[in-house]
């Protein structure tokens, strides 16, 4: 990892993908933020509480799981960028309050 990458994510991918460019995490994080900002723009025009329609789908689950996964590894994306991502932050809160998600977190 690059010298300014600290915490549990430092060298996280080293054993998984040794060809990853150390500084690539910055570009990946910027790309992820741009995609979530794009989603925010779409959701401003929609009344749906879910990403892909009026019901929860695998898309909502995947976004939640990915953001929580990286938060647990020391990359609190929503805490860092939540002010730019109010809809996404609210989605994460709604998902975390679901009984099934609460049960899942009891086993982690």
Protein backbone atom coordinates (compact mmCIF):
# COMPACT_ATOMS: atom_id res chain seq x y z
CA UNK A 1 0.00 0.00 0.00
CA UNK A 2 1.08 3.58 -0.42
CA UNK A 3 2.77 5.27 2.53
CA UNK A 4 -0.33 7.31 3.41
CA UNK A 5 -2.64 4.28 3.59
CA UNK A 6 -3.01 3.37 7.26
CA UNK A 7 -5.06 0.98 9.36
CA UNK A 8 -6.32 -2.51 8.58
CA UNK A 9 -6.61 -1.79 4.85
CA UNK A 10 -2.85 -1.29 4.53
CA UNK A 11 -1.66 -4.29 2.49
CA UNK A 12 -5.19 -5.80 2.60
CA UNK A 13 -5.01 -6.84 -1.05
CA UNK A 14 -1.32 -7.76 -1.04
CA UNK A 15 -1.88 -11.51 -0.71
CA UNK A 16 -4.95 -11.37 -2.93
CA UNK A 17 -3.61 -9.35 -5.85
CA UNK A 18 0.09 -8.58 -5.91
CA UNK A 19 -0.14 -6.52 -9.09
CA UNK A 20 -2.33 -3.83 -7.53
CA UNK A 21 -0.71 -0.41 -7.74
CA UNK A 22 -0.15 0.84 -4.16
CA UNK A 23 -1.63 4.28 -4.80
CA UNK A 24 -4.69 2.85 -6.59
CA UNK A 25 -6.83 2.95 -3.43
CA UNK A 26 -7.13 6.74 -3.77
CA UNK A 27 -8.48 6.48 -7.30
CA UNK A 28 -10.80 3.62 -6.33
CA UNK A 29 -12.20 5.65 -3.44
CA UNK A 30 -12.69 8.70 -5.69
CA UNK A 31 -14.46 6.52 -8.26
CA UNK A 32 -16.73 5.00 -5.58
CA UNK A 33 -17.60 8.48 -4.29
CA UNK A 34 -18.44 9.67 -7.82
CA UNK A 35 -20.77 6.67 -8.30
CA UNK A 36 -22.54 7.31 -4.99
CA UNK A 37 -22.89 11.01 -5.86
CA UNK A 38 -24.46 9.93 -9.16
CA UNK A 39 -26.88 7.74 -7.18
CA UNK A 40 -27.66 10.68 -4.87
CA UNK A 41 -28.59 12.78 -7.90
CA UNK A 42 -30.92 10.06 -9.19
CA UNK A 43 -32.57 9.56 -5.83
CA UNK A 44 -33.31 13.28 -5.45
CA UNK A 45 -35.75 12.77 -8.32
CA UNK A 46 -37.27 9.57 -6.90
CA UNK A 47 -39.46 8.83 -3.90
CA UNK A 48 -38.28 5.25 -3.60
CA UNK A 49 -36.44 4.19 -0.46
CA UNK A 50 -34.50 1.61 -2.45
CA UNK A 51 -31.89 1.85 -5.18
CA UNK A 52 -33.59 -0.10 -7.95
CA UNK A 53 -37.28 0.44 -7.39
CA UNK A 54 -39.91 0.24 -4.67
CA UNK A 55 -38.66 -2.97 -3.05
CA UNK A 56 -35.34 -4.03 -1.59
CA UNK A 57 -33.19 -5.94 -4.07
CA UNK A 58 -29.76 -7.49 -4.12
CA UNK A 59 -28.45 -4.07 -5.18
CA UNK A 60 -29.42 -2.53 -1.82
CA UNK A 61 -27.94 -5.49 0.04
CA UNK A 62 -24.68 -5.30 -1.93
CA UNK A 63 -24.23 -1.56 -1.39
CA UNK A 64 -24.94 -1.97 2.33
CA UNK A 65 -22.62 -4.97 2.68
CA UNK A 66 -19.79 -3.29 0.77
CA UNK A 67 -19.92 -0.03 2.74
CA UNK A 68 -20.16 -1.87 6.08
CA UNK A 69 -17.33 -4.23 5.07
CA UNK A 70 -14.94 -1.37 4.37
CA UNK A 71 -16.06 0.53 7.47
CA UNK A 72 -15.16 -2.51 9.58
CA UNK A 73 -11.70 -2.46 7.96
CA UNK A 74 -11.04 1.13 8.95
CA UNK A 75 -12.40 2.90 5.87
CA UNK A 76 -15.54 4.64 7.18
CA UNK A 77 -16.74 5.87 3.79
CA UNK A 78 -20.16 7.05 4.98
CA UNK A 79 -18.69 8.78 8.03
CA UNK A 80 -16.17 10.54 5.79
CA UNK A 81 -18.57 11.50 3.00
CA UNK A 82 -22.01 11.32 4.61
CA UNK A 83 -22.68 15.03 4.25
CA UNK A 84 -22.43 14.60 0.46
CA UNK A 85 -24.48 11.39 0.53
CA UNK A 86 -27.61 11.98 2.64
CA UNK A 87 -29.77 9.48 0.74
CA UNK A 88 -27.11 6.77 0.88
CA UNK A 89 -26.52 7.47 4.56
CA UNK A 90 -30.27 7.10 5.19
CA UNK A 91 -30.30 3.82 3.20
CA UNK A 92 -27.49 2.44 5.37
CA UNK A 93 -29.43 3.46 8.50
CA UNK A 94 -32.66 1.84 7.20
CA UNK A 95 -30.85 -1.34 6.26
CA UNK A 96 -29.11 -1.55 9.65
CA UNK A 97 -32.50 -1.33 11.38
CA UNK A 98 -33.96 -4.32 9.52
CA UNK A 99 -34.47 -7.32 11.85
CA UNK A 100 -32.57 -9.69 9.53
CA UNK A 101 -29.59 -7.34 9.37
CA UNK A 102 -29.57 -6.94 13.15
CA UNK A 103 -29.55 -10.73 13.51
CA UNK A 104 -26.69 -10.98 11.03
CA UNK A 105 -24.63 -8.42 12.96
CA UNK A 106 -25.11 -10.46 16.15
CA UNK A 107 -23.05 -13.23 14.54
CA UNK A 108 -20.23 -11.05 13.22
